[in-house]
Protein backbone atom coordinates (compact mmCIF):
# COMPACT_ATOMS: atom_id res chain seq x y z
CA UNK A 1 -15.56 64.21 -24.05
CA UNK A 2 -19.40 63.23 -24.33
CA UNK A 3 -18.99 62.44 -27.96
CA UNK A 4 -16.26 59.66 -26.82
CA UNK A 5 -19.15 57.67 -24.80
CA UNK A 6 -21.33 58.13 -27.59
CA UNK A 7 -18.76 55.68 -29.80
CA UNK A 8 -17.73 53.56 -26.73
CA UNK A 9 -20.53 50.62 -27.59
CA UNK A 10 -19.65 50.82 -31.24
CA UNK A 11 -16.19 50.10 -30.31
CA UNK A 12 -17.09 47.37 -28.29
CA UNK A 13 -19.41 45.87 -30.70
CA UNK A 14 -16.32 45.69 -33.31
CA UNK A 15 -14.21 44.08 -30.84
CA UNK A 16 -16.59 41.20 -30.59
CA UNK A 17 -16.32 40.78 -33.98
CA UNK A 18 -12.37 39.17 -33.74
CA UNK A 19 -12.06 35.33 -33.79
CA UNK A 20 -10.81 33.59 -30.90
CA UNK A 21 -9.26 30.55 -30.93
CA UNK A 22 -11.44 27.50 -31.31
CA UNK A 23 -12.08 25.26 -28.37
CA UNK A 24 -9.04 22.56 -27.69
CA UNK A 25 -6.69 24.77 -29.70
CA UNK A 26 -3.99 27.29 -28.25
CA UNK A 27 -1.35 27.39 -30.48
CA UNK A 28 -1.95 28.95 -34.39
CA UNK A 29 -0.01 30.21 -37.10
CA UNK A 30 -0.54 33.03 -39.33
CA UNK A 31 -0.23 32.01 -42.99
CA UNK A 32 -1.03 33.90 -46.41
CA UNK A 33 -2.10 32.27 -49.87
CA UNK A 34 -2.38 34.18 -52.64
CA UNK A 35 -3.48 37.38 -51.05
CA UNK A 36 -5.71 35.36 -48.45
CA UNK A 37 -4.52 35.38 -44.45
CA UNK A 38 -5.31 32.33 -42.35
CA UNK A 39 -4.76 31.95 -38.95
CA UNK A 40 -4.75 27.92 -38.64
CA UNK A 41 -5.18 26.25 -35.43
CA UNK A 42 -4.14 22.24 -35.29
CA UNK A 43 -3.93 19.38 -33.22
CA UNK A 44 -3.16 15.87 -34.16
CA UNK A 45 -5.99 14.97 -36.18
CA UNK A 46 -7.88 18.15 -36.88
CA UNK A 47 -7.37 21.62 -38.30
CA UNK A 48 -9.08 24.96 -38.30
CA UNK A 49 -8.39 27.74 -40.87
CA UNK A 50 -9.97 31.29 -39.97
CA UNK A 51 -9.45 33.77 -42.86
CA UNK A 52 -8.50 36.78 -40.86
CA UNK A 53 -8.31 39.20 -44.15
CA UNK A 54 -10.94 41.07 -46.20
CA UNK A 55 -12.14 39.55 -49.51
CA UNK A 56 -14.66 41.18 -51.35
CA UNK A 57 -17.21 38.55 -52.28
CA UNK A 58 -15.20 35.42 -51.12
CA UNK A 59 -16.11 32.36 -53.01
CA UNK A 60 -15.53 28.73 -51.43
CA UNK A 61 -14.51 27.80 -54.80
CA UNK A 62 -11.67 30.08 -54.50
CA UNK A 63 -11.14 30.38 -50.57
CA UNK A 64 -11.00 26.37 -49.99
CA UNK A 65 -7.99 25.68 -52.07
CA UNK A 66 -6.11 28.62 -50.59
CA UNK A 67 -7.20 27.09 -46.85
CA UNK A 68 -5.96 23.83 -48.09
CA UNK A 69 -2.58 25.30 -48.89
CA UNK A 70 -2.58 27.13 -45.61
CA UNK A 71 -3.44 24.07 -43.45
CA UNK A 72 -0.72 22.24 -45.54
CA UNK A 73 2.02 24.79 -44.84
CA UNK A 74 1.22 25.02 -41.11
CA UNK A 75 1.00 21.65 -39.75
CA UNK A 76 3.12 20.01 -42.55
CA UNK A 77 0.15 17.20 -42.98
CA UNK A 78 -2.20 16.53 -45.59
CA UNK A 79 -6.11 16.69 -45.69
CA UNK A 80 -8.28 13.98 -45.65
CA UNK A 81 -10.14 14.26 -48.85
CA UNK A 82 -14.07 15.35 -48.19
CA UNK A 83 -13.30 16.42 -44.99
CA UNK A 84 -13.12 19.75 -45.73
CA UNK A 85 -16.16 21.84 -44.80
CA UNK A 86 -17.39 25.08 -43.71
CA UNK A 87 -17.64 28.71 -45.41
CA UNK A 88 -15.42 31.23 -47.02
CA UNK A 89 -14.32 32.55 -43.42
CA UNK A 90 -13.93 29.35 -41.11
CA UNK A 91 -12.86 26.01 -42.82
CA UNK A 92 -12.40 22.70 -40.71
CA UNK A 93 -10.33 19.77 -41.90
CA UNK A 94 -9.46 16.51 -40.47
CA UNK A 95 -5.85 15.69 -41.19
CA UNK A 96 -3.31 12.78 -41.47
CA UNK A 97 0.57 13.60 -40.25
């Protein structure tokens, strides 16, 4: 029993690593593109794609096109050119429907 308590802080810290919905977004859709899995949150003008799987050494040049495809699939809207920004884990974009 005492050994179990030793791992409790580790379990709590791991739970803090799970991304939640960004501020104004309440609903999301999970989309998988070429092995990368994203939670895509959106409203009428913006979208956020959060990569939820583990990719070894993810590169922006690889992940951004996948995120763009995921946003398109989840929202049915196109991304305004030049508005995608972020890193391989969290991508923001302005959209037009």
